[in-house]
Amino acid sequence: MPALIRKFHEAKTAGLSQVVVWGTGIPKREFLHVDDCAAACLFLMDQYDGSEIVNIGVGEDIAIRDLAELIKTVTGFTGDVVYDSSKPDGTPRKLIDTSKIRGLGWLPTTSLEQGVRSTYEWYLSHCERQLEV
């Protein structure tokens, strides 16, 4: 996701007509916002004393193609998204089982769109400033 955010932002600021994304866009990935990860860790420290591993995640995934469209919208890029199927897709799906932590009563609170928006805002306030120096 960080590479896509940067790629779309740089294409927008350079006035490019397209962004090339590696692969077909079909593989799916799961994304957890850092604030939700921290909240889950605190929740587990307070609520869980078992010895089994507990996965922290959202329990939902999104196709890279759909993620790219979301990032395109959030960054304000107006050009086309082109998928380079000559490049590898990677693993078809990466999704963890979150039934244990959900069974304990924890749920993430940051939607993927909220997370992308806040990450892009952070990027604009931190990374862009560093590039200017």
N, C-alpha and C. Protein backbone atom coordinates (compact mmCIF):
# COMPACT_ATOMS: atom_id res chain seq x y z
N MET A 1 0.80 -1.19 0.00
CA MET A 1 0.00 0.00 0.00
C MET A 1 0.86 1.27 0.00
N PRO A 2 1.91 1.35 0.79
CA PRO A 2 2.71 2.58 0.77
C PRO A 2 3.25 2.90 -0.63
N ALA A 3 3.69 1.87 -1.34
CA ALA A 3 4.23 2.11 -2.68
C ALA A 3 3.15 2.61 -3.62
N LEU A 4 1.94 2.08 -3.49
CA LEU A 4 0.85 2.53 -4.35
C LEU A 4 0.46 3.97 -4.03
N ILE A 5 0.41 4.30 -2.75
CA ILE A 5 0.08 5.68 -2.37
C ILE A 5 1.09 6.64 -2.97
N ARG A 6 2.35 6.31 -2.83
CA ARG A 6 3.40 7.19 -3.38
C ARG A 6 3.30 7.26 -4.91
N LYS A 7 3.09 6.11 -5.54
CA LYS A 7 3.01 6.06 -7.00
C LYS A 7 1.86 6.93 -7.53
N PHE A 8 0.69 6.82 -6.91
CA PHE A 8 -0.46 7.62 -7.35
C PHE A 8 -0.24 9.10 -7.06
N HIS A 9 0.33 9.41 -5.90
CA HIS A 9 0.59 10.81 -5.58
C HIS A 9 1.59 11.43 -6.56
N GLU A 10 2.67 10.74 -6.82
CA GLU A 10 3.68 11.27 -7.74
C GLU A 10 3.13 11.41 -9.15
N ALA A 11 2.28 10.48 -9.57
CA ALA A 11 1.66 10.59 -10.90
C ALA A 11 0.75 11.81 -10.96
N LYS A 12 0.00 12.05 -9.88
CA LYS A 12 -0.89 13.21 -9.84
C LYS A 12 -0.08 14.51 -9.91
N THR A 13 0.95 14.62 -9.08
CA THR A 13 1.72 15.86 -9.04
C THR A 13 2.51 16.09 -10.32
N ALA A 14 2.88 15.01 -11.02
CA ALA A 14 3.61 15.14 -12.28
C ALA A 14 2.69 15.29 -13.48
N GLY A 15 1.39 15.16 -13.26
CA GLY A 15 0.42 15.29 -14.35
C GLY A 15 0.45 14.11 -15.32
N LEU A 16 0.83 12.95 -14.83
CA LEU A 16 0.88 11.76 -15.69
C LEU A 16 -0.53 11.28 -16.04
N SER A 17 -0.64 10.58 -17.15
CA SER A 17 -1.94 10.12 -17.61
C SER A 17 -2.28 8.73 -17.11
N GLN A 18 -1.28 8.01 -16.57
CA GLN A 18 -1.56 6.66 -16.09
C GLN A 18 -0.61 6.25 -14.99
N VAL A 19 -1.07 5.28 -14.21
CA VAL A 19 -0.25 4.62 -13.20
C VAL A 19 -0.23 3.14 -13.56
N VAL A 20 0.96 2.56 -13.57
CA VAL A 20 1.10 1.14 -13.86
C VAL A 20 1.23 0.38 -12.55
N VAL A 21 0.37 -0.63 -12.39
CA VAL A 21 0.37 -1.48 -11.21
C VAL A 21 0.83 -2.86 -11.66
N TRP A 22 1.77 -3.43 -10.93
CA TRP A 22 2.27 -4.76 -11.27
C TRP A 22 1.20 -5.82 -11.09
N GLY A 23 1.17 -6.78 -11.99
CA GLY A 23 0.27 -7.92 -11.90
C GLY A 23 -1.10 -7.62 -12.48
N THR A 24 -2.01 -8.55 -12.22
CA THR A 24 -3.36 -8.45 -12.79
C THR A 24 -4.31 -7.65 -11.92
N GLY A 25 -3.96 -7.47 -10.65
CA GLY A 25 -4.86 -6.80 -9.71
C GLY A 25 -5.85 -7.75 -9.07
N ILE A 26 -5.79 -9.00 -9.41
CA ILE A 26 -6.75 -9.99 -8.90
C ILE A 26 -6.41 -10.49 -7.48
N PRO A 27 -5.13 -10.67 -7.11
CA PRO A 27 -4.83 -11.16 -5.77
C PRO A 27 -5.45 -10.27 -4.69
N LYS A 28 -5.72 -10.87 -3.55
CA LYS A 28 -6.35 -10.16 -2.45
C LYS A 28 -5.40 -10.06 -1.26
N ARG A 29 -5.53 -8.96 -0.56
CA ARG A 29 -4.72 -8.71 0.63
C ARG A 29 -5.61 -8.17 1.74
N GLU A 30 -5.15 -8.40 2.97
CA GLU A 30 -5.83 -7.89 4.15
C GLU A 30 -4.99 -6.74 4.71
N PHE A 31 -5.65 -5.68 5.14
CA PHE A 31 -4.94 -4.52 5.70
C PHE A 31 -5.54 -4.15 7.05
N LEU A 32 -4.65 -3.96 8.02
CA LEU A 32 -5.05 -3.56 9.36
C LEU A 32 -4.37 -2.23 9.68
N HIS A 33 -5.15 -1.26 10.10
CA HIS A 33 -4.59 0.05 10.45
C HIS A 33 -3.79 -0.07 11.74
N VAL A 34 -2.70 0.66 11.81
CA VAL A 34 -1.80 0.60 12.95
C VAL A 34 -2.51 0.94 14.26
N ASP A 35 -3.47 1.86 14.24
CA ASP A 35 -4.20 2.21 15.45
C ASP A 35 -5.03 1.02 15.95
N ASP A 36 -5.62 0.28 15.01
CA ASP A 36 -6.38 -0.92 15.38
C ASP A 36 -5.45 -2.01 15.90
N CYS A 37 -4.28 -2.13 15.33
CA CYS A 37 -3.30 -3.11 15.82
C CYS A 37 -2.91 -2.79 17.26
N ALA A 38 -2.63 -1.54 17.52
CA ALA A 38 -2.26 -1.13 18.89
C ALA A 38 -3.42 -1.38 19.84
N ALA A 39 -4.63 -1.05 19.43
CA ALA A 39 -5.81 -1.27 20.27
C ALA A 39 -6.02 -2.76 20.56
N ALA A 40 -5.79 -3.59 19.55
CA ALA A 40 -5.93 -5.03 19.74
C ALA A 40 -4.88 -5.56 20.72
N CYS A 41 -3.67 -5.07 20.63
CA CYS A 41 -2.61 -5.49 21.57
C CYS A 41 -2.99 -5.12 23.00
N LEU A 42 -3.47 -3.91 23.20
CA LEU A 42 -3.90 -3.49 24.53
C LEU A 42 -5.07 -4.33 25.03
N PHE A 43 -6.02 -4.60 24.14
CA PHE A 43 -7.17 -5.44 24.47
C PHE A 43 -6.71 -6.82 24.92
N LEU A 44 -5.79 -7.41 24.17
CA LEU A 44 -5.31 -8.75 24.51
C LEU A 44 -4.54 -8.76 25.82
N MET A 45 -3.74 -7.73 26.06
CA MET A 45 -2.99 -7.68 27.32
C MET A 45 -3.94 -7.60 28.51
N ASP A 46 -5.07 -6.97 28.31
CA ASP A 46 -6.04 -6.81 29.38
C ASP A 46 -7.02 -7.99 29.50
N GLN A 47 -7.38 -8.59 28.37
CA GLN A 47 -8.47 -9.57 28.35
C GLN A 47 -8.06 -11.01 28.13
N TYR A 48 -6.83 -11.27 27.71
CA TYR A 48 -6.46 -12.63 27.32
C TYR A 48 -5.28 -13.12 28.12
N ASP A 49 -5.42 -14.32 28.69
CA ASP A 49 -4.29 -14.89 29.43
C ASP A 49 -3.99 -16.32 28.99
N GLY A 50 -4.47 -16.69 27.82
CA GLY A 50 -4.23 -18.02 27.28
C GLY A 50 -2.82 -18.14 26.71
N SER A 51 -2.52 -19.36 26.29
CA SER A 51 -1.18 -19.61 25.74
C SER A 51 -1.20 -19.79 24.22
N GLU A 52 -2.38 -19.84 23.63
CA GLU A 52 -2.47 -20.01 22.18
C GLU A 52 -2.26 -18.67 21.47
N ILE A 53 -1.77 -18.76 20.26
CA ILE A 53 -1.57 -17.56 19.44
C ILE A 53 -2.92 -16.98 19.04
N VAL A 54 -3.02 -15.66 19.07
CA VAL A 54 -4.23 -14.96 18.66
C VAL A 54 -3.87 -14.06 17.48
N ASN A 55 -4.49 -14.29 16.36
CA ASN A 55 -4.26 -13.44 15.19
C ASN A 55 -4.97 -12.10 15.36
N ILE A 56 -4.30 -11.05 14.96
CA ILE A 56 -4.90 -9.71 14.95
C ILE A 56 -5.06 -9.32 13.50
N GLY A 57 -6.28 -9.00 13.12
CA GLY A 57 -6.55 -8.60 11.75
C GLY A 57 -7.98 -8.14 11.61
N VAL A 58 -8.35 -7.81 10.39
CA VAL A 58 -9.72 -7.38 10.14
C VAL A 58 -10.61 -8.54 9.68
N GLY A 59 -9.99 -9.60 9.18
CA GLY A 59 -10.76 -10.75 8.73
C GLY A 59 -11.44 -10.57 7.39
N GLU A 60 -11.04 -9.51 6.67
CA GLU A 60 -11.58 -9.23 5.34
C GLU A 60 -10.42 -8.85 4.44
N ASP A 61 -10.55 -9.18 3.16
CA ASP A 61 -9.50 -8.80 2.22
C ASP A 61 -10.10 -8.02 1.06
N ILE A 62 -9.22 -7.49 0.24
CA ILE A 62 -9.63 -6.68 -0.90
C ILE A 62 -8.70 -7.00 -2.06
N ALA A 63 -9.25 -7.04 -3.26
CA ALA A 63 -8.44 -7.25 -4.46
C ALA A 63 -7.54 -6.03 -4.67
N ILE A 64 -6.33 -6.27 -5.11
CA ILE A 64 -5.39 -5.18 -5.38
C ILE A 64 -6.01 -4.18 -6.35
N ARG A 65 -6.76 -4.66 -7.31
CA ARG A 65 -7.44 -3.79 -8.28
C ARG A 65 -8.36 -2.80 -7.55
N ASP A 66 -9.15 -3.30 -6.61
CA ASP A 66 -10.06 -2.43 -5.86
C ASP A 66 -9.29 -1.49 -4.94
N LEU A 67 -8.20 -1.98 -4.35
CA LEU A 67 -7.36 -1.12 -3.52
C LEU A 67 -6.77 0.02 -4.35
N ALA A 68 -6.30 -0.30 -5.54
CA ALA A 68 -5.72 0.72 -6.42
C ALA A 68 -6.77 1.78 -6.77
N GLU A 69 -7.99 1.37 -7.01
CA GLU A 69 -9.06 2.34 -7.31
C GLU A 69 -9.36 3.22 -6.11
N LEU A 70 -9.33 2.63 -4.90
CA LEU A 70 -9.54 3.41 -3.69
C LEU A 70 -8.41 4.43 -3.51
N ILE A 71 -7.19 4.01 -3.69
CA ILE A 71 -6.05 4.93 -3.56
C ILE A 71 -6.10 6.01 -4.64
N LYS A 72 -6.50 5.64 -5.83
CA LYS A 72 -6.67 6.62 -6.91
C LYS A 72 -7.65 7.71 -6.48
N THR A 73 -8.77 7.31 -5.90
CA THR A 73 -9.77 8.26 -5.45
C THR A 73 -9.24 9.14 -4.32
N VAL A 74 -8.64 8.51 -3.33
CA VAL A 74 -8.15 9.25 -2.16
C VAL A 74 -7.08 10.26 -2.54
N THR A 75 -6.18 9.90 -3.44
CA THR A 75 -5.10 10.81 -3.83
C THR A 75 -5.55 11.86 -4.84
N GLY A 76 -6.68 11.64 -5.47
CA GLY A 76 -7.18 12.60 -6.46
C GLY A 76 -6.55 12.43 -7.83
N PHE A 77 -5.93 11.29 -8.08
CA PHE A 77 -5.37 11.02 -9.40
C PHE A 77 -6.52 10.79 -10.38
N THR A 78 -6.46 11.43 -11.54
CA THR A 78 -7.57 11.35 -12.49
C THR A 78 -7.25 10.54 -13.75
N GLY A 79 -6.06 10.02 -13.84
CA GLY A 79 -5.68 9.25 -15.02
C GLY A 79 -6.16 7.80 -14.95
N ASP A 80 -5.59 6.99 -15.81
CA ASP A 80 -5.95 5.59 -15.91
C ASP A 80 -5.03 4.72 -15.04
N VAL A 81 -5.57 3.58 -14.64
CA VAL A 81 -4.78 2.57 -13.94
C VAL A 81 -4.58 1.43 -14.92
N VAL A 82 -3.31 1.09 -15.17
CA VAL A 82 -2.96 0.03 -16.12
C VAL A 82 -2.31 -1.10 -15.33
N TYR A 83 -2.73 -2.32 -15.60
CA TYR A 83 -2.19 -3.49 -14.90
C TYR A 83 -1.22 -4.20 -15.83
N ASP A 84 0.01 -4.37 -15.35
CA ASP A 84 1.07 -5.02 -16.13
C ASP A 84 1.11 -6.49 -15.77
N SER A 85 0.38 -7.29 -16.53
CA SER A 85 0.27 -8.72 -16.22
C SER A 85 1.55 -9.49 -16.55
N SER A 86 2.55 -8.82 -17.14
CA SER A 86 3.84 -9.48 -17.35
C SER A 86 4.63 -9.55 -16.04
N LYS A 87 4.20 -8.77 -15.05
CA LYS A 87 4.83 -8.78 -13.72
C LYS A 87 4.08 -9.76 -12.82
N PRO A 88 4.76 -10.29 -11.80
CA PRO A 88 4.14 -11.31 -10.95
C PRO A 88 3.00 -10.77 -10.09
N ASP A 89 2.04 -11.65 -9.83
CA ASP A 89 0.93 -11.33 -8.95
C ASP A 89 1.26 -11.61 -7.49
N GLY A 90 2.13 -12.55 -7.25
CA GLY A 90 2.38 -12.97 -5.88
C GLY A 90 1.32 -13.96 -5.42
N THR A 91 1.26 -14.18 -4.13
CA THR A 91 0.30 -15.12 -3.56
C THR A 91 -1.12 -14.66 -3.87
N PRO A 92 -1.99 -15.59 -4.30
CA PRO A 92 -3.35 -15.20 -4.68
C PRO A 92 -4.15 -14.55 -3.56
N ARG A 93 -3.93 -15.02 -2.31
CA ARG A 93 -4.74 -14.48 -1.22
C ARG A 93 -3.97 -14.55 0.09
N LYS A 94 -4.02 -13.46 0.85
CA LYS A 94 -3.40 -13.41 2.18
C LYS A 94 -4.46 -12.89 3.15
N LEU A 95 -5.04 -13.81 3.90
CA LEU A 95 -6.10 -13.47 4.84
C LEU A 95 -5.93 -14.35 6.07
N ILE A 96 -5.99 -13.75 7.24
CA ILE A 96 -5.82 -14.54 8.46
C ILE A 96 -7.17 -14.81 9.12
N ASP A 97 -7.20 -15.84 9.94
CA ASP A 97 -8.39 -16.21 10.69
C ASP A 97 -8.42 -15.37 11.97
N THR A 98 -9.43 -14.52 12.08
CA THR A 98 -9.54 -13.63 13.24
C THR A 98 -10.66 -14.06 14.18
N SER A 99 -11.13 -15.29 14.04
CA SER A 99 -12.27 -15.74 14.85
C SER A 99 -11.98 -15.71 16.35
N LYS A 100 -10.76 -15.98 16.74
CA LYS A 100 -10.44 -16.03 18.18
C LYS A 100 -10.56 -14.64 18.81
N ILE A 101 -9.95 -13.63 18.19
CA ILE A 101 -10.02 -12.30 18.80
C ILE A 101 -11.43 -11.72 18.70
N ARG A 102 -12.13 -12.05 17.63
CA ARG A 102 -13.52 -11.60 17.52
C ARG A 102 -14.38 -12.27 18.58
N GLY A 103 -14.09 -13.55 18.85
CA GLY A 103 -14.80 -14.27 19.89
C GLY A 103 -14.58 -13.68 21.27
N LEU A 104 -13.45 -13.03 21.45
CA LEU A 104 -13.15 -12.36 22.72
C LEU A 104 -13.83 -11.00 22.81
N GLY A 105 -14.37 -10.53 21.68
CA GLY A 105 -15.11 -9.27 21.69
C GLY A 105 -14.42 -8.09 21.04
N TRP A 106 -13.27 -8.31 20.41
CA TRP A 106 -12.57 -7.19 19.78
C TRP A 106 -12.89 -7.12 18.30
N LEU A 107 -13.11 -5.91 17.82
CA LEU A 107 -13.31 -5.64 16.40
C LEU A 107 -12.52 -4.40 16.02
N PRO A 108 -11.96 -4.37 14.81
CA PRO A 108 -11.29 -3.14 14.37
C PRO A 108 -12.31 -2.03 14.17
N THR A 109 -11.86 -0.80 14.31
CA THR A 109 -12.78 0.34 14.16
C THR A 109 -12.45 1.23 12.97
N THR A 110 -11.31 1.03 12.35
CA THR A 110 -10.89 1.88 11.22
C THR A 110 -11.21 1.17 9.91
N SER A 111 -12.06 1.78 9.10
CA SER A 111 -12.37 1.19 7.79
C SER A 111 -11.15 1.32 6.89
N LEU A 112 -11.12 0.52 5.86
CA LEU A 112 -10.00 0.61 4.92
C LEU A 112 -9.92 2.01 4.31
N GLU A 113 -11.05 2.56 3.92
CA GLU A 113 -11.02 3.91 3.33
C GLU A 113 -10.50 4.93 4.33
N GLN A 114 -10.95 4.86 5.58
CA GLN A 114 -10.44 5.79 6.61
C GLN A 114 -8.93 5.62 6.77
N GLY A 115 -8.46 4.38 6.78
CA GLY A 115 -7.05 4.11 6.93
C GLY A 115 -6.22 4.64 5.79
N VAL A 116 -6.71 4.46 4.56
CA VAL A 116 -5.99 4.98 3.40
C VAL A 116 -5.97 6.51 3.45
N ARG A 117 -7.09 7.11 3.79
CA ARG A 117 -7.15 8.57 3.87
C ARG A 117 -6.18 9.11 4.93
N SER A 118 -6.18 8.52 6.11
CA SER A 118 -5.29 9.02 7.16
C SER A 118 -3.82 8.76 6.81
N THR A 119 -3.54 7.66 6.16
CA THR A 119 -2.16 7.37 5.73
C THR A 119 -1.71 8.37 4.67
N TYR A 120 -2.59 8.69 3.75
CA TYR A 120 -2.24 9.67 2.71
C TYR A 120 -2.03 11.05 3.33
N GLU A 121 -2.88 11.42 4.28
CA GLU A 121 -2.69 12.70 4.96
C GLU A 121 -1.35 12.74 5.68
N TRP A 122 -0.99 11.62 6.34
CA TRP A 122 0.30 11.55 7.01
C TRP A 122 1.43 11.69 5.99
N TYR A 123 1.31 10.99 4.87
CA TYR A 123 2.32 11.06 3.82
C TYR A 123 2.51 12.51 3.36
N LEU A 124 1.41 13.19 3.12
CA LEU A 124 1.50 14.58 2.66
C LEU A 124 2.19 15.47 3.68
N SER A 125 1.93 15.26 4.95
CA SER A 125 2.51 16.13 5.97
C SER A 125 3.94 15.76 6.36
N HIS A 126 4.36 14.53 6.10
CA HIS A 126 5.70 14.10 6.50
C HIS A 126 6.65 13.86 5.32
N CYS A 127 6.23 13.03 4.42
CA CYS A 127 7.14 12.62 3.33
C CYS A 127 7.34 13.71 2.30
N GLU A 128 6.30 14.40 1.94
CA GLU A 128 6.45 15.47 0.96
C GLU A 128 7.38 16.55 1.49
N ARG A 129 7.27 16.86 2.74
CA ARG A 129 8.13 17.88 3.35
C ARG A 129 9.58 17.44 3.31
N GLN A 130 9.85 16.15 3.55
CA GLN A 130 11.22 15.65 3.52
C GLN A 130 11.79 15.67 2.11
N LEU A 131 10.95 15.47 1.11
CA LEU A 131 11.43 15.48 -0.27
C LEU A 131 11.85 16.88 -0.70
N GLU A 132 11.25 17.89 -0.09
CA GLU A 132 11.57 19.28 -0.45
C GLU A 132 12.92 19.73 0.10
N VAL A 133 13.39 19.10 1.18
CA VAL A 133 14.64 19.52 1.83
C VAL A 133 15.85 19.21 1.02
